[in-house]
């Protein structure tokens, strides 16, 4: 399964790089609006136990990020950048929803997920599915991840792709936001999505 996830991720990465190279775009993130190999929607539980789909956030720009609570660096740094981008957006931040999907539901129970994402921004939501369904979810969204053994069975790490997807207020998948983007770049891209007709 992990090999299939990795192959899907690499194919999607090459496709999005090709799209970015051949199309002029005002965005800092990679424009993947014409790519059909990515999942266009989700059905997940939020950290309060409610079932969520993309339709719940219609009218907002949505950022969908995949990570896990015990990530030592990439996840907290990325979520801190999104929190900074929200601050830069000012009043427009009310029209943006950041969603953090755990890749480690076995160790990320809903209360812990809620506390974690709320530490970055009170409007951030944590999402999850079952451990059995997580590999399929990652495959559909072309998210590479793989458990890395630790000194004990419960102290493993997770290698994973560090980027997010951004949807416009009409619910259309538009961008892949890479880890190298600064908060100002993220805020600029989200403003452009909010202005999308």
N, C-alpha and C. Protein backbone atom coordinates (compact mmCIF):
# COMPACT_ATOMS: atom_id res chain seq x y z
N UNK A 1 0.84 -1.21 0.00
CA UNK A 1 0.00 0.00 0.00
C UNK A 1 0.87 1.26 0.00
N UNK A 2 1.95 1.26 0.84
CA UNK A 2 2.81 2.44 0.89
C UNK A 2 3.51 2.69 -0.44
N UNK A 3 3.88 1.61 -1.13
CA UNK A 3 4.50 1.77 -2.44
C UNK A 3 3.53 2.44 -3.41
N UNK A 4 2.27 2.03 -3.36
CA UNK A 4 1.25 2.63 -4.24
C UNK A 4 1.04 4.10 -3.89
N UNK A 5 1.05 4.42 -2.58
CA UNK A 5 0.91 5.82 -2.16
C UNK A 5 2.08 6.64 -2.67
N UNK A 6 3.29 6.10 -2.53
CA UNK A 6 4.49 6.81 -2.99
C UNK A 6 4.46 7.01 -4.50
N UNK A 7 4.08 5.97 -5.24
CA UNK A 7 4.02 6.10 -6.70
C UNK A 7 2.97 7.12 -7.12
N UNK A 8 1.82 7.08 -6.45
CA UNK A 8 0.78 8.07 -6.75
C UNK A 8 1.23 9.47 -6.44
N UNK A 9 1.92 9.63 -5.31
CA UNK A 9 2.42 10.95 -4.93
C UNK A 9 3.43 11.47 -5.95
N UNK A 10 4.37 10.62 -6.36
CA UNK A 10 5.39 11.05 -7.33
C UNK A 10 4.76 11.41 -8.67
N UNK A 11 3.77 10.63 -9.10
CA UNK A 11 3.09 10.94 -10.35
C UNK A 11 2.37 12.27 -10.25
N UNK A 12 1.71 12.50 -9.13
CA UNK A 12 0.99 13.76 -8.94
C UNK A 12 1.96 14.94 -8.87
N UNK A 13 3.11 14.72 -8.23
CA UNK A 13 4.12 15.77 -8.13
C UNK A 13 4.65 16.15 -9.51
N UNK A 14 4.94 15.16 -10.34
CA UNK A 14 5.40 15.44 -11.69
C UNK A 14 4.34 16.15 -12.51
N UNK A 15 3.09 15.72 -12.35
CA UNK A 15 2.00 16.35 -13.09
C UNK A 15 1.84 17.81 -12.68
N UNK A 16 1.86 18.07 -11.37
CA UNK A 16 1.66 19.45 -10.93
C UNK A 16 2.86 20.32 -11.30
N UNK A 17 4.07 19.75 -11.30
CA UNK A 17 5.24 20.51 -11.74
C UNK A 17 5.13 20.86 -13.22
N UNK A 18 4.61 19.91 -14.01
CA UNK A 18 4.42 20.16 -15.43
C UNK A 18 3.39 21.26 -15.65
N UNK A 19 2.31 21.21 -14.90
CA UNK A 19 1.27 22.24 -15.02
C UNK A 19 1.84 23.61 -14.67
N UNK A 20 2.59 23.66 -13.57
CA UNK A 20 3.15 24.93 -13.14
C UNK A 20 4.14 25.49 -14.16
N UNK A 21 4.88 24.59 -14.79
CA UNK A 21 5.89 25.04 -15.75
C UNK A 21 5.29 25.58 -17.04
N UNK A 22 4.09 25.10 -17.42
CA UNK A 22 3.54 25.46 -18.71
C UNK A 22 2.40 26.48 -18.65
N UNK A 23 2.05 26.91 -17.47
CA UNK A 23 0.93 27.85 -17.37
C UNK A 23 1.32 29.06 -16.54
N UNK A 24 1.05 30.24 -17.07
CA UNK A 24 1.28 31.45 -16.31
C UNK A 24 0.22 31.53 -15.22
N UNK A 25 0.64 31.84 -14.02
CA UNK A 25 -0.30 31.88 -12.90
C UNK A 25 0.13 32.98 -11.93
N UNK A 26 -0.83 33.66 -11.32
CA UNK A 26 -0.47 34.68 -10.34
C UNK A 26 -0.18 34.08 -8.96
N UNK A 27 -0.38 32.78 -8.81
CA UNK A 27 -0.26 32.15 -7.51
C UNK A 27 1.19 31.79 -7.18
N UNK A 28 1.51 31.79 -5.90
CA UNK A 28 2.81 31.32 -5.42
C UNK A 28 2.81 29.80 -5.31
N UNK A 29 1.66 29.22 -4.95
CA UNK A 29 1.53 27.78 -4.91
C UNK A 29 1.35 27.22 -6.31
N UNK A 30 1.42 25.88 -6.43
CA UNK A 30 1.26 25.23 -7.73
C UNK A 30 -0.22 25.14 -8.09
N UNK A 31 -0.57 25.65 -9.27
CA UNK A 31 -1.95 25.60 -9.74
C UNK A 31 -2.25 24.19 -10.24
N UNK A 32 -3.13 23.49 -9.54
CA UNK A 32 -3.49 22.12 -9.93
C UNK A 32 -4.98 22.05 -10.29
N UNK A 33 -5.54 23.17 -10.65
CA UNK A 33 -6.98 23.23 -10.90
C UNK A 33 -7.43 22.36 -12.07
N UNK A 34 -6.52 22.03 -12.99
CA UNK A 34 -6.90 21.22 -14.14
C UNK A 34 -6.52 19.74 -13.98
N UNK A 35 -5.86 19.42 -12.87
CA UNK A 35 -5.45 18.03 -12.63
C UNK A 35 -6.61 17.26 -12.03
N UNK A 36 -6.91 16.11 -12.56
CA UNK A 36 -8.04 15.31 -12.10
C UNK A 36 -7.60 14.09 -11.28
N UNK A 37 -6.30 13.94 -11.03
CA UNK A 37 -5.82 12.76 -10.32
C UNK A 37 -5.89 12.92 -8.81
N UNK A 38 -6.27 14.10 -8.32
CA UNK A 38 -6.38 14.33 -6.89
C UNK A 38 -7.83 14.19 -6.46
N UNK A 39 -8.06 13.68 -5.25
CA UNK A 39 -9.42 13.62 -4.72
C UNK A 39 -9.97 15.04 -4.63
N UNK A 40 -11.21 15.22 -4.98
CA UNK A 40 -11.81 16.54 -5.01
C UNK A 40 -12.63 16.85 -3.76
N UNK A 41 -12.89 15.85 -2.92
CA UNK A 41 -13.72 16.05 -1.73
C UNK A 41 -13.30 15.04 -0.67
N UNK A 42 -13.87 15.14 0.51
CA UNK A 42 -13.57 14.24 1.60
C UNK A 42 -14.82 14.06 2.46
N UNK A 43 -14.82 13.02 3.26
CA UNK A 43 -15.85 12.78 4.27
C UNK A 43 -15.12 12.28 5.51
N UNK A 44 -14.91 13.16 6.48
CA UNK A 44 -14.10 12.88 7.65
C UNK A 44 -14.80 13.38 8.90
N UNK A 45 -14.37 12.90 10.05
CA UNK A 45 -14.88 13.40 11.33
C UNK A 45 -14.01 14.55 11.80
N UNK A 46 -14.64 15.57 12.40
CA UNK A 46 -13.83 16.65 12.97
C UNK A 46 -13.56 16.34 14.44
N UNK A 47 -12.75 17.17 15.08
CA UNK A 47 -12.32 16.87 16.45
C UNK A 47 -13.45 16.97 17.48
N UNK A 48 -14.62 17.43 17.06
CA UNK A 48 -15.80 17.42 17.92
C UNK A 48 -16.75 16.27 17.59
N UNK A 49 -16.33 15.39 16.65
CA UNK A 49 -17.12 14.21 16.33
C UNK A 49 -18.14 14.40 15.23
N UNK A 50 -18.16 15.58 14.59
CA UNK A 50 -19.12 15.82 13.51
C UNK A 50 -18.55 15.37 12.17
N UNK A 51 -19.39 14.80 11.33
CA UNK A 51 -18.97 14.42 9.99
C UNK A 51 -18.85 15.68 9.14
N UNK A 52 -17.73 15.79 8.44
CA UNK A 52 -17.46 16.98 7.63
C UNK A 52 -17.18 16.58 6.19
N UNK A 53 -17.68 17.40 5.26
CA UNK A 53 -17.32 17.33 3.85
C UNK A 53 -16.95 18.73 3.41
N UNK A 54 -16.45 18.84 2.22
CA UNK A 54 -16.06 20.15 1.71
C UNK A 54 -17.25 21.10 1.64
N UNK A 55 -18.44 20.58 1.39
CA UNK A 55 -19.63 21.42 1.28
C UNK A 55 -19.92 22.20 2.55
N UNK A 56 -19.46 21.70 3.71
CA UNK A 56 -19.68 22.41 4.97
C UNK A 56 -18.99 23.77 5.01
N UNK A 57 -18.01 23.96 4.14
CA UNK A 57 -17.20 25.18 4.17
C UNK A 57 -17.40 26.02 2.92
N UNK A 58 -18.48 25.77 2.19
CA UNK A 58 -18.75 26.54 0.97
C UNK A 58 -18.82 28.02 1.31
N UNK A 59 -18.23 28.84 0.47
CA UNK A 59 -18.15 30.28 0.72
C UNK A 59 -16.82 30.69 1.36
N UNK A 60 -16.02 29.69 1.73
CA UNK A 60 -14.71 29.95 2.32
C UNK A 60 -13.61 29.33 1.46
N UNK A 61 -12.44 29.91 1.52
CA UNK A 61 -11.26 29.24 0.98
C UNK A 61 -10.85 28.21 2.03
N UNK A 62 -10.53 27.00 1.58
CA UNK A 62 -10.22 25.91 2.50
C UNK A 62 -8.79 25.44 2.27
N UNK A 63 -8.04 25.30 3.36
CA UNK A 63 -6.70 24.73 3.31
C UNK A 63 -6.76 23.36 3.98
N UNK A 64 -6.35 22.32 3.27
CA UNK A 64 -6.38 20.95 3.76
C UNK A 64 -4.95 20.47 3.91
N UNK A 65 -4.53 20.28 5.18
CA UNK A 65 -3.16 19.91 5.51
C UNK A 65 -3.15 18.54 6.18
N UNK A 66 -2.17 17.70 5.85
CA UNK A 66 -2.04 16.37 6.43
C UNK A 66 -0.80 16.31 7.31
N UNK A 67 -0.94 15.82 8.53
CA UNK A 67 0.20 15.73 9.43
C UNK A 67 -0.14 14.85 10.62
N UNK A 68 0.60 15.04 11.71
CA UNK A 68 0.30 14.28 12.92
C UNK A 68 0.86 15.02 14.12
N UNK A 69 0.30 14.76 15.29
CA UNK A 69 0.57 15.57 16.47
C UNK A 69 1.99 15.44 16.99
N UNK A 70 2.60 14.27 16.85
CA UNK A 70 3.95 14.09 17.39
C UNK A 70 5.04 14.44 16.40
N UNK A 71 4.67 15.05 15.30
CA UNK A 71 5.66 15.50 14.31
C UNK A 71 6.60 16.49 14.99
N UNK A 72 7.91 16.27 14.92
CA UNK A 72 8.84 17.12 15.68
C UNK A 72 9.08 18.50 15.08
N UNK A 73 8.85 18.69 13.79
CA UNK A 73 9.20 20.00 13.23
C UNK A 73 8.30 20.46 12.09
N UNK A 74 8.13 19.67 11.05
CA UNK A 74 7.44 20.15 9.85
C UNK A 74 6.00 20.58 10.13
N UNK A 75 5.25 19.75 10.83
CA UNK A 75 3.83 20.07 11.07
C UNK A 75 3.65 21.34 11.90
N UNK A 76 4.32 21.45 13.05
CA UNK A 76 4.14 22.68 13.82
C UNK A 76 4.60 23.93 13.08
N UNK A 77 5.68 23.82 12.32
CA UNK A 77 6.15 24.99 11.57
C UNK A 77 5.14 25.37 10.49
N UNK A 78 4.59 24.37 9.81
CA UNK A 78 3.61 24.65 8.76
C UNK A 78 2.35 25.29 9.35
N UNK A 79 1.83 24.72 10.43
CA UNK A 79 0.62 25.28 11.03
C UNK A 79 0.86 26.67 11.60
N UNK A 80 2.07 26.92 12.09
CA UNK A 80 2.41 28.27 12.56
C UNK A 80 2.39 29.26 11.40
N UNK A 81 2.86 28.82 10.22
CA UNK A 81 2.82 29.71 9.05
C UNK A 81 1.39 30.00 8.64
N UNK A 82 0.51 28.98 8.71
CA UNK A 82 -0.89 29.23 8.36
C UNK A 82 -1.55 30.15 9.38
N UNK A 83 -1.18 30.03 10.63
CA UNK A 83 -1.71 30.95 11.65
C UNK A 83 -1.23 32.38 11.37
N UNK A 84 0.03 32.51 10.97
CA UNK A 84 0.55 33.84 10.63
C UNK A 84 -0.16 34.39 9.39
N UNK A 85 -0.42 33.53 8.42
CA UNK A 85 -1.15 33.96 7.22
C UNK A 85 -2.55 34.44 7.60
N UNK A 86 -3.20 33.76 8.54
CA UNK A 86 -4.53 34.19 8.99
C UNK A 86 -4.45 35.59 9.59
N UNK A 87 -3.40 35.86 10.37
CA UNK A 87 -3.24 37.19 10.95
C UNK A 87 -3.04 38.23 9.86
N UNK A 88 -2.28 37.89 8.82
CA UNK A 88 -2.04 38.82 7.72
C UNK A 88 -3.31 39.10 6.92
N UNK A 89 -4.21 38.16 6.91
CA UNK A 89 -5.46 38.33 6.15
C UNK A 89 -6.44 39.28 6.84
N UNK A 90 -6.25 39.55 8.10
CA UNK A 90 -7.15 40.46 8.80
C UNK A 90 -8.58 39.93 8.79
N UNK A 91 -9.52 40.80 8.43
CA UNK A 91 -10.94 40.41 8.43
C UNK A 91 -11.23 39.29 7.43
N UNK A 92 -10.42 39.18 6.38
CA UNK A 92 -10.64 38.11 5.38
C UNK A 92 -10.41 36.72 5.97
N UNK A 93 -9.72 36.63 7.11
CA UNK A 93 -9.47 35.33 7.72
C UNK A 93 -10.77 34.63 8.12
N UNK A 94 -11.83 35.39 8.33
CA UNK A 94 -13.13 34.78 8.66
C UNK A 94 -13.68 33.96 7.51
N UNK A 95 -13.14 34.17 6.30
CA UNK A 95 -13.60 33.45 5.12
C UNK A 95 -12.60 32.36 4.70
N UNK A 96 -11.72 31.97 5.65
CA UNK A 96 -10.73 30.93 5.38
C UNK A 96 -10.86 29.85 6.46
N UNK A 97 -10.83 28.60 6.05
CA UNK A 97 -10.87 27.49 7.01
C UNK A 97 -9.66 26.60 6.80
N UNK A 98 -8.84 26.46 7.84
CA UNK A 98 -7.69 25.56 7.81
C UNK A 98 -8.10 24.25 8.48
N UNK A 99 -7.88 23.14 7.79
CA UNK A 99 -8.23 21.81 8.27
C UNK A 99 -6.95 20.97 8.34
N UNK A 100 -6.71 20.37 9.49
CA UNK A 100 -5.52 19.53 9.66
C UNK A 100 -5.98 18.08 9.82
N UNK A 101 -5.63 17.25 8.85
CA UNK A 101 -6.03 15.83 8.85
C UNK A 101 -4.88 15.01 9.43
N UNK A 102 -5.17 14.25 10.49
CA UNK A 102 -4.11 13.43 11.06
C UNK A 102 -3.85 12.18 10.23
N UNK A 103 -2.58 11.88 10.08
CA UNK A 103 -2.14 10.63 9.46
C UNK A 103 -1.87 9.56 10.51
N UNK A 104 -2.15 9.89 11.76
CA UNK A 104 -1.84 9.00 12.88
C UNK A 104 -3.03 8.91 13.84
N UNK A 105 -4.20 8.46 13.35
CA UNK A 105 -5.37 8.43 14.23
C UNK A 105 -5.23 7.52 15.43
N UNK A 106 -4.31 6.56 15.38
CA UNK A 106 -4.10 5.67 16.52
C UNK A 106 -3.58 6.42 17.74
N UNK A 107 -2.76 7.46 17.50
CA UNK A 107 -2.19 8.23 18.63
C UNK A 107 -2.76 9.63 18.74
N UNK A 108 -3.64 10.02 17.84
CA UNK A 108 -4.19 11.38 17.84
C UNK A 108 -5.70 11.34 18.09
N UNK A 109 -6.12 11.09 19.32
CA UNK A 109 -7.55 11.07 19.61
C UNK A 109 -8.15 12.46 19.45
N UNK A 110 -9.45 12.55 19.21
CA UNK A 110 -10.08 13.85 18.94
C UNK A 110 -9.78 14.94 19.98
N UNK A 111 -9.84 14.67 21.29
CA UNK A 111 -9.55 15.76 22.23
C UNK A 111 -8.13 16.32 22.08
N UNK A 112 -7.16 15.42 21.87
CA UNK A 112 -5.78 15.88 21.68
C UNK A 112 -5.63 16.64 20.36
N UNK A 113 -6.32 16.17 19.33
CA UNK A 113 -6.28 16.84 18.03
C UNK A 113 -6.86 18.25 18.15
N UNK A 114 -7.96 18.37 18.87
CA UNK A 114 -8.59 19.67 19.07
C UNK A 114 -7.66 20.63 19.81
N UNK A 115 -7.06 20.14 20.89
CA UNK A 115 -6.15 20.99 21.67
C UNK A 115 -4.96 21.43 20.83
N UNK A 116 -4.43 20.50 20.06
CA UNK A 116 -3.24 20.78 19.24
C UNK A 116 -3.51 21.88 18.21
N UNK A 117 -4.54 21.70 17.40
CA UNK A 117 -4.78 22.69 16.34
C UNK A 117 -5.23 24.03 16.91
N UNK A 118 -5.95 23.99 18.03
CA UNK A 118 -6.41 25.24 18.64
C UNK A 118 -5.26 26.06 19.21
N UNK A 119 -4.16 25.41 19.53
CA UNK A 119 -2.98 26.14 20.00
C UNK A 119 -2.41 27.04 18.91
N UNK A 120 -2.66 26.71 17.65
CA UNK A 120 -2.16 27.53 16.55
C UNK A 120 -3.16 28.63 16.19
N UNK A 121 -4.44 28.27 16.14
CA UNK A 121 -5.48 29.25 15.81
C UNK A 121 -6.82 28.69 16.27
N UNK A 122 -7.65 29.51 16.91
CA UNK A 122 -8.92 28.98 17.44
C UNK A 122 -9.88 28.48 16.37
N UNK A 123 -9.72 28.92 15.13
CA UNK A 123 -10.64 28.49 14.06
C UNK A 123 -10.17 27.23 13.33
N UNK A 124 -8.94 26.79 13.57
CA UNK A 124 -8.44 25.58 12.90
C UNK A 124 -9.23 24.37 13.38
N UNK A 125 -9.48 23.45 12.47
CA UNK A 125 -10.18 22.21 12.80
C UNK A 125 -9.29 21.00 12.52
N UNK A 126 -9.31 20.04 13.43
CA UNK A 126 -8.64 18.77 13.21
C UNK A 126 -9.63 17.78 12.62
N UNK A 127 -9.19 16.99 11.65
CA UNK A 127 -10.03 15.96 11.02
C UNK A 127 -9.33 14.61 11.11
N UNK A 128 -10.13 13.55 11.09
CA UNK A 128 -9.55 12.22 11.15
C UNK A 128 -10.51 11.20 10.55
N UNK A 129 -9.95 10.04 10.23
CA UNK A 129 -10.73 8.86 9.89
C UNK A 129 -10.13 7.71 10.68
N UNK A 130 -10.56 6.51 10.43
CA UNK A 130 -10.03 5.36 11.16
C UNK A 130 -8.62 5.04 10.68
N UNK A 131 -7.91 4.30 11.51
CA UNK A 131 -6.56 3.86 11.11
C UNK A 131 -6.63 3.01 9.85
N UNK A 132 -7.67 2.18 9.73
CA UNK A 132 -7.80 1.30 8.57
C UNK A 132 -8.07 2.09 7.30
N UNK A 133 -8.77 3.22 7.40
CA UNK A 133 -9.14 4.01 6.22
C UNK A 133 -8.09 5.05 5.85
N UNK A 134 -7.14 5.32 6.73
CA UNK A 134 -6.15 6.38 6.46
C UNK A 134 -5.29 6.11 5.23
N UNK A 135 -4.80 4.88 5.01
CA UNK A 135 -4.00 4.66 3.79
C UNK A 135 -4.77 4.97 2.50
N UNK A 136 -6.05 4.60 2.45
CA UNK A 136 -6.85 4.88 1.25
C UNK A 136 -7.06 6.37 1.09
N UNK A 137 -7.29 7.07 2.19
CA UNK A 137 -7.43 8.53 2.13
C UNK A 137 -6.16 9.17 1.58
N UNK A 138 -5.01 8.74 2.10
CA UNK A 138 -3.74 9.29 1.63
C UNK A 138 -3.53 9.01 0.15
N UNK A 139 -3.90 7.81 -0.30
CA UNK A 139 -3.75 7.47 -1.70
C UNK A 139 -4.62 8.36 -2.58
N UNK A 140 -5.85 8.59 -2.17
CA UNK A 140 -6.75 9.43 -2.96
C UNK A 140 -6.26 10.86 -3.07
N UNK A 141 -5.62 11.34 -2.02
CA UNK A 141 -5.12 12.72 -2.03
C UNK A 141 -3.65 12.81 -2.44
N UNK A 142 -3.06 11.68 -2.83
CA UNK A 142 -1.67 11.65 -3.27
C UNK A 142 -0.74 12.18 -2.19
N UNK A 143 -0.99 11.73 -0.95
CA UNK A 143 -0.16 12.12 0.19
C UNK A 143 0.74 10.94 0.54
N UNK A 144 2.04 11.14 0.39
CA UNK A 144 2.98 10.09 0.80
C UNK A 144 3.11 10.13 2.33
N UNK A 145 3.04 8.96 2.96
CA UNK A 145 3.40 8.86 4.37
C UNK A 145 3.82 7.43 4.67
N UNK A 146 4.67 7.27 5.66
CA UNK A 146 5.16 5.94 6.02
C UNK A 146 5.63 5.97 7.47
N UNK A 147 5.20 4.98 8.23
CA UNK A 147 5.65 4.86 9.61
C UNK A 147 7.13 4.49 9.64
N UNK A 148 7.85 5.09 10.58
CA UNK A 148 9.26 4.79 10.79
C UNK A 148 9.42 4.28 12.21
N UNK A 149 9.94 3.08 12.36
CA UNK A 149 10.02 2.44 13.67
C UNK A 149 10.84 3.27 14.65
N UNK A 150 10.37 3.29 15.90
CA UNK A 150 11.09 3.95 16.98
C UNK A 150 11.58 2.91 17.97
N UNK A 151 12.08 3.36 19.12
CA UNK A 151 12.61 2.42 20.11
C UNK A 151 11.55 1.52 20.74
N UNK A 152 10.29 1.96 20.71
CA UNK A 152 9.19 1.12 21.21
C UNK A 152 8.10 1.10 20.15
N UNK A 153 7.17 0.15 20.23
CA UNK A 153 6.12 0.06 19.21
C UNK A 153 5.25 1.30 19.09
N UNK A 154 5.13 2.08 20.17
CA UNK A 154 4.26 3.27 20.13
C UNK A 154 5.02 4.57 19.96
N UNK A 155 6.33 4.49 19.78
CA UNK A 155 7.13 5.71 19.64
C UNK A 155 7.64 5.90 18.22
N UNK A 156 6.89 5.39 17.25
CA UNK A 156 7.29 5.51 15.85
C UNK A 156 7.14 6.96 15.38
N UNK A 157 7.85 7.27 14.31
CA UNK A 157 7.67 8.54 13.61
C UNK A 157 6.91 8.29 12.32
N UNK A 158 6.60 9.36 11.62
CA UNK A 158 5.93 9.24 10.32
C UNK A 158 6.62 10.18 9.34
N UNK A 159 7.22 9.59 8.32
CA UNK A 159 7.70 10.40 7.20
C UNK A 159 6.50 10.74 6.34
N UNK A 160 6.37 12.00 5.96
CA UNK A 160 5.19 12.36 5.15
C UNK A 160 5.46 13.59 4.32
N UNK A 161 4.66 13.72 3.28
CA UNK A 161 4.72 14.90 2.42
C UNK A 161 4.28 16.12 3.23
N UNK A 162 4.92 17.25 2.99
CA UNK A 162 4.57 18.47 3.73
C UNK A 162 4.09 19.53 2.75
N UNK A 163 2.83 19.46 2.43
CA UNK A 163 2.19 20.49 1.63
C UNK A 163 0.71 20.45 1.94
N UNK A 164 -0.02 21.43 1.45
CA UNK A 164 -1.46 21.49 1.69
C UNK A 164 -2.17 21.71 0.37
N UNK A 165 -3.44 21.38 0.34
CA UNK A 165 -4.29 21.69 -0.79
C UNK A 165 -5.15 22.90 -0.44
N UNK A 166 -5.42 23.74 -1.42
CA UNK A 166 -6.29 24.89 -1.20
C UNK A 166 -7.45 24.84 -2.19
N UNK A 167 -8.64 25.05 -1.66
CA UNK A 167 -9.88 25.07 -2.44
C UNK A 167 -10.43 26.48 -2.44
N UNK A 168 -11.07 26.86 -3.53
CA UNK A 168 -11.67 28.20 -3.58
C UNK A 168 -13.05 28.16 -2.90
N UNK A 169 -13.69 29.32 -2.72
CA UNK A 169 -14.98 29.35 -2.00
C UNK A 169 -16.10 28.56 -2.67
N UNK A 170 -15.93 28.20 -3.93
CA UNK A 170 -16.94 27.36 -4.59
C UNK A 170 -16.66 25.87 -4.42
N UNK A 171 -15.60 25.54 -3.69
CA UNK A 171 -15.27 24.14 -3.42
C UNK A 171 -14.43 23.49 -4.47
N UNK A 172 -13.78 24.26 -5.33
CA UNK A 172 -12.94 23.70 -6.39
C UNK A 172 -11.49 23.61 -5.92
N UNK A 173 -10.87 22.46 -6.11
CA UNK A 173 -9.47 22.28 -5.76
C UNK A 173 -8.63 23.13 -6.71
N UNK A 174 -7.81 24.02 -6.16
CA UNK A 174 -7.08 24.97 -6.99
C UNK A 174 -5.56 24.90 -6.86
N UNK A 175 -5.05 24.72 -5.63
CA UNK A 175 -3.61 24.88 -5.42
C UNK A 175 -3.02 23.78 -4.56
N UNK A 176 -1.75 23.50 -4.81
CA UNK A 176 -0.93 22.73 -3.88
C UNK A 176 0.06 23.72 -3.29
N UNK A 177 -0.03 23.90 -1.97
CA UNK A 177 0.78 24.90 -1.27
C UNK A 177 1.98 24.20 -0.65
N UNK A 178 3.16 24.47 -1.18
CA UNK A 178 4.37 23.80 -0.73
C UNK A 178 4.89 24.32 0.60
N UNK A 179 5.77 23.54 1.21
CA UNK A 179 6.33 23.87 2.51
C UNK A 179 7.24 25.09 2.46
N UNK A 180 7.74 25.43 1.27
CA UNK A 180 8.66 26.56 1.17
C UNK A 180 8.00 27.92 1.11
N UNK A 181 6.67 27.97 1.08
CA UNK A 181 5.97 29.25 0.97
C UNK A 181 5.94 29.98 2.31
N UNK A 182 6.26 31.25 2.27
CA UNK A 182 6.21 32.07 3.47
C UNK A 182 4.76 32.42 3.79
N UNK A 183 4.51 32.88 5.01
CA UNK A 183 3.16 33.24 5.42
C UNK A 183 2.58 34.31 4.50
N UNK A 184 3.40 35.27 4.07
CA UNK A 184 2.91 36.32 3.18
C UNK A 184 2.47 35.76 1.84
N UNK A 185 3.19 34.75 1.34
CA UNK A 185 2.79 34.09 0.09
C UNK A 185 1.47 33.35 0.26
N UNK A 186 1.34 32.65 1.37
CA UNK A 186 0.09 31.92 1.64
C UNK A 186 -1.09 32.89 1.73
N UNK A 187 -0.88 33.99 2.44
CA UNK A 187 -1.95 34.98 2.57
C UNK A 187 -2.33 35.56 1.21
N UNK A 188 -1.33 35.82 0.36
CA UNK A 188 -1.60 36.38 -0.96
C UNK A 188 -2.40 35.39 -1.81
N UNK A 189 -2.02 34.11 -1.76
CA UNK A 189 -2.75 33.10 -2.53
C UNK A 189 -4.17 32.94 -2.02
N UNK A 190 -4.36 32.98 -0.72
CA UNK A 190 -5.70 32.83 -0.17
C UNK A 190 -6.57 34.03 -0.52
N UNK A 191 -5.99 35.22 -0.55
CA UNK A 191 -6.74 36.41 -0.98
C UNK A 191 -7.21 36.26 -2.43
N UNK A 192 -6.31 35.73 -3.26
CA UNK A 192 -6.70 35.54 -4.67
C UNK A 192 -7.81 34.51 -4.80
N UNK A 193 -7.75 33.46 -3.99
CA UNK A 193 -8.83 32.47 -4.03
C UNK A 193 -10.14 33.08 -3.56
N UNK A 194 -10.09 33.92 -2.54
CA UNK A 194 -11.31 34.57 -2.05
C UNK A 194 -11.93 35.48 -3.09
N UNK A 195 -11.09 36.00 -3.98
CA UNK A 195 -11.59 36.90 -5.03
C UNK A 195 -12.04 36.15 -6.28
N UNK A 196 -11.94 34.82 -6.25
CA UNK A 196 -12.32 34.01 -7.42
C UNK A 196 -13.82 34.12 -7.69
N UNK A 197 -14.20 34.42 -8.94
CA UNK A 197 -15.64 34.49 -9.24
C UNK A 197 -16.31 33.11 -9.19
